[in-house]
């Protein structure tokens, strides 16, 4: 907020303003059927740019992790099956600048919709998901979270239920589109 000064307050105060957050590109009606495909082969999964590469390398030495850095990309089916549906925990890492500016990545919301516990280095991700995402500020905190949610099934299932509920109620692009439709209806 400090970076943009009063511009954010002005912009968000406009009558036709609609928040445009990242979300999951999944129809909320399909989320339950996706849960039937989960298999928890991996303790944690990460597919994306080389954010926090040293953290994922360290985790991979201690836990069963699926990690794939771009480039090359994975086909979409492999990305979803390995990075999310086969992983207990989704690592929602961001570039340092995006984490600082409070811009959580789309994979954070995908992780919730695909039934993962999501841990992220972006504090705003925790806030934006009503506390469902687990914020980690350093590697030790990350390892503690992975230890807890990979080994303690009761804690993991409780967090997964919250994530799935969040995704179904407000964490998909369906919900973002609905906000636009509601705003249009209210203005015209």
Protein backbone atom coordinates (compact mmCIF):
# COMPACT_ATOMS: atom_id res chain seq x y z
CA UNK A 1 0.00 0.00 0.00
CA UNK A 2 2.80 2.42 0.84
CA UNK A 3 4.30 1.87 -2.61
CA UNK A 4 1.20 3.22 -4.37
CA UNK A 5 0.32 6.01 -1.94
CA UNK A 6 -3.26 7.24 -2.13
CA UNK A 7 -3.85 5.74 -5.58
CA UNK A 8 -5.10 2.43 -4.18
CA UNK A 9 -7.56 4.15 -1.86
CA UNK A 10 -8.83 6.32 -4.71
CA UNK A 11 -9.14 3.38 -7.10
CA UNK A 12 -10.84 1.01 -4.66
CA UNK A 13 -13.26 3.78 -3.72
CA UNK A 14 -14.61 4.13 -7.25
CA UNK A 15 -18.28 3.22 -7.65
CA UNK A 16 -17.53 0.68 -10.38
CA UNK A 17 -14.54 -0.94 -8.60
CA UNK A 18 -14.52 -4.73 -8.43
CA UNK A 19 -11.72 -6.65 -6.77
CA UNK A 20 -9.89 -8.93 -9.23
CA UNK A 21 -7.96 -11.47 -7.17
CA UNK A 22 -6.21 -14.60 -8.35
CA UNK A 23 -8.39 -17.65 -7.83
CA UNK A 24 -8.65 -21.25 -8.99
CA UNK A 25 -9.76 -21.93 -12.55
CA UNK A 26 -12.19 -24.65 -11.44
CA UNK A 27 -15.95 -24.78 -11.40
CA UNK A 28 -16.85 -25.00 -7.69
CA UNK A 29 -19.43 -27.68 -8.53
CA UNK A 30 -16.58 -29.97 -9.70
CA UNK A 31 -14.50 -29.73 -6.52
CA UNK A 32 -16.10 -32.75 -4.79
CA UNK A 33 -15.43 -35.02 -7.76
CA UNK A 34 -11.80 -33.85 -7.82
CA UNK A 35 -11.40 -34.94 -4.20
CA UNK A 36 -12.08 -38.51 -5.30
CA UNK A 37 -8.89 -38.31 -7.41
CA UNK A 38 -6.62 -37.32 -4.50
CA UNK A 39 -4.03 -39.91 -3.48
CA UNK A 40 -1.45 -38.20 -1.20
CA UNK A 41 1.60 -39.87 -2.78
CA UNK A 42 3.75 -36.84 -1.96
CA UNK A 43 4.17 -34.96 1.30
CA UNK A 44 4.36 -31.72 -0.65
CA UNK A 45 4.26 -30.49 -4.21
CA UNK A 46 5.49 -27.45 -6.09
CA UNK A 47 5.25 -26.65 -9.78
CA UNK A 48 6.35 -23.23 -10.94
CA UNK A 49 9.19 -20.76 -11.23
CA UNK A 50 12.31 -21.22 -9.14
CA UNK A 51 10.96 -19.32 -6.14
CA UNK A 52 12.46 -20.51 -2.83
CA UNK A 53 14.52 -23.15 -4.65
CA UNK A 54 16.79 -23.60 -1.64
CA UNK A 55 13.74 -24.33 0.54
CA UNK A 56 12.33 -26.94 -1.83
CA UNK A 57 15.76 -28.56 -2.17
CA UNK A 58 16.08 -28.83 1.61
CA UNK A 59 12.54 -30.18 1.97
CA UNK A 60 13.19 -32.77 -0.73
CA UNK A 61 16.07 -34.18 1.29
CA UNK A 62 13.78 -34.85 4.26
CA UNK A 63 10.31 -35.38 2.75
CA UNK A 64 8.80 -37.04 -0.30
CA UNK A 65 8.30 -33.98 -2.53
CA UNK A 66 7.21 -33.49 -6.11
CA UNK A 67 9.03 -30.42 -7.43
CA UNK A 68 9.07 -29.25 -11.03
CA UNK A 69 10.53 -25.88 -12.00
CA UNK A 70 9.68 -24.09 -15.22
CA UNK A 71 11.10 -24.26 -17.99
CA UNK A 72 10.12 -26.60 -19.52
CA UNK A 73 6.54 -26.63 -18.38
CA UNK A 74 4.55 -29.73 -17.56
CA UNK A 75 1.41 -30.58 -19.43
CA UNK A 76 -1.64 -29.41 -17.47
CA UNK A 77 -2.75 -32.90 -16.45
CA UNK A 78 0.68 -33.75 -14.97
CA UNK A 79 0.87 -30.36 -13.23
CA UNK A 80 -2.50 -30.86 -11.54
CA UNK A 81 -2.12 -34.57 -10.78
CA UNK A 82 1.40 -34.37 -9.34
CA UNK A 83 1.57 -30.85 -7.96
CA UNK A 84 -1.85 -30.89 -6.32
CA UNK A 85 -3.96 -34.06 -6.37
CA UNK A 86 -1.04 -36.29 -5.34
CA UNK A 87 0.35 -33.87 -2.72
CA UNK A 88 -0.77 -33.46 0.89
CA UNK A 89 0.70 -29.96 0.98
CA UNK A 90 0.99 -27.43 -1.82
CA UNK A 91 3.93 -25.03 -1.57
CA UNK A 92 2.52 -21.64 -2.56
CA UNK A 93 5.78 -19.77 -3.10
CA UNK A 94 6.05 -16.33 -4.69
CA UNK A 95 8.80 -14.11 -6.00
CA UNK A 96 10.26 -12.07 -3.14
CA UNK A 97 8.92 -8.86 -4.70
CA UNK A 98 5.38 -10.26 -5.10
CA UNK A 99 5.40 -11.57 -1.53
CA UNK A 100 6.51 -8.14 -0.31
CA UNK A 101 3.86 -6.35 -2.37
CA UNK A 102 1.20 -8.80 -1.18
CA UNK A 103 0.48 -10.49 -4.51
CA UNK A 104 -0.26 -14.17 -3.87
CA UNK A 105 0.09 -16.50 -6.85
CA UNK A 106 -2.70 -18.43 -8.49
CA UNK A 107 -1.20 -21.76 -7.32
CA UNK A 108 -2.18 -20.83 -3.76
CA UNK A 109 -5.87 -20.84 -4.66
CA UNK A 110 -5.48 -23.88 -6.89
CA UNK A 111 -3.95 -25.79 -3.98
CA UNK A 112 -7.00 -25.11 -1.82
CA UNK A 113 -9.44 -26.10 -4.57
CA UNK A 114 -7.56 -29.34 -5.22
CA UNK A 115 -7.70 -30.27 -1.54
CA UNK A 116 -4.16 -29.49 -0.39
CA UNK A 117 -3.01 -27.80 2.76
CA UNK A 118 -1.32 -24.70 1.35
CA UNK A 119 1.74 -23.09 2.91
CA UNK A 120 2.99 -19.81 1.51
CA UNK A 121 5.70 -17.22 1.96
CA UNK A 122 3.14 -14.46 1.28
CA UNK A 123 1.42 -13.08 4.38
CA UNK A 124 -1.41 -11.65 2.29
CA UNK A 125 -2.26 -15.19 1.09
CA UNK A 126 -3.13 -16.08 4.68
CA UNK A 127 -5.24 -12.94 5.05
CA UNK A 128 -6.91 -13.31 1.63
CA UNK A 129 -8.05 -16.85 2.46
CA UNK A 130 -9.49 -16.07 5.89
CA UNK A 131 -6.52 -17.75 7.59
CA UNK A 132 -6.79 -21.02 5.66
CA UNK A 133 -3.36 -20.70 4.02
CA UNK A 134 -0.47 -21.24 6.44
CA UNK A 135 2.01 -18.37 6.26
CA UNK A 136 5.68 -19.30 6.72
CA UNK A 137 8.28 -16.59 7.12
CA UNK A 138 11.44 -18.72 7.03
CA UNK A 139 12.67 -22.23 6.29
CA UNK A 140 12.43 -23.45 9.89
CA UNK A 141 8.79 -22.36 10.05
CA UNK A 142 8.18 -24.07 6.69
CA UNK A 143 9.72 -27.33 7.86
CA UNK A 144 7.63 -27.26 11.05
CA UNK A 145 4.45 -26.77 9.00
CA UNK A 146 5.37 -29.57 6.59
CA UNK A 147 6.18 -31.86 9.51
CA UNK A 148 2.83 -31.12 11.16
CA UNK A 149 0.60 -31.43 8.10
CA UNK A 150 2.41 -34.35 6.47
CA UNK A 151 2.44 -36.48 9.64
CA UNK A 152 -0.67 -35.42 11.59
CA UNK A 153 -3.65 -36.60 9.57
CA UNK A 154 -6.21 -35.01 11.91
CA UNK A 155 -4.62 -31.54 11.58
CA UNK A 156 -4.18 -31.97 7.82
CA UNK A 157 -7.79 -33.07 7.24
CA UNK A 158 -9.12 -30.18 9.32
CA UNK A 159 -7.11 -27.68 7.26
CA UNK A 160 -8.09 -29.39 4.00
CA UNK A 161 -11.79 -29.14 4.89
CA UNK A 162 -11.37 -25.40 5.50
CA UNK A 163 -9.53 -24.98 2.19
CA UNK A 164 -12.15 -26.86 0.20
CA UNK A 165 -14.92 -24.87 1.88
CA UNK A 166 -13.12 -21.62 1.04
CA UNK A 167 -12.66 -22.70 -2.59
CA UNK A 168 -16.31 -23.70 -2.97
CA UNK A 169 -17.63 -20.51 -1.40
CA UNK A 170 -15.30 -17.85 -2.80
CA UNK A 171 -11.99 -19.17 -4.14
CA UNK A 172 -12.62 -19.73 -7.85
CA UNK A 173 -12.87 -17.51 -10.90
CA UNK A 174 -16.58 -18.35 -10.92
CA UNK A 175 -16.84 -16.25 -7.76
CA UNK A 176 -14.73 -13.44 -9.25
CA UNK A 177 -16.98 -13.37 -12.32
CA UNK A 178 -20.05 -13.32 -10.08
CA UNK A 179 -18.72 -10.17 -8.38
CA UNK A 180 -18.48 -8.48 -11.79
CA UNK A 181 -22.03 -9.52 -12.64
CA UNK A 182 -23.29 -8.27 -9.27
CA UNK A 183 -21.55 -4.91 -9.80
CA UNK A 184 -22.96 -4.54 -13.31
CA UNK A 185 -26.43 -5.34 -12.00
CA UNK A 186 -26.09 -2.81 -9.19
CA UNK A 187 -24.91 -0.03 -11.55
CA UNK A 188 -27.29 -0.56 -14.41
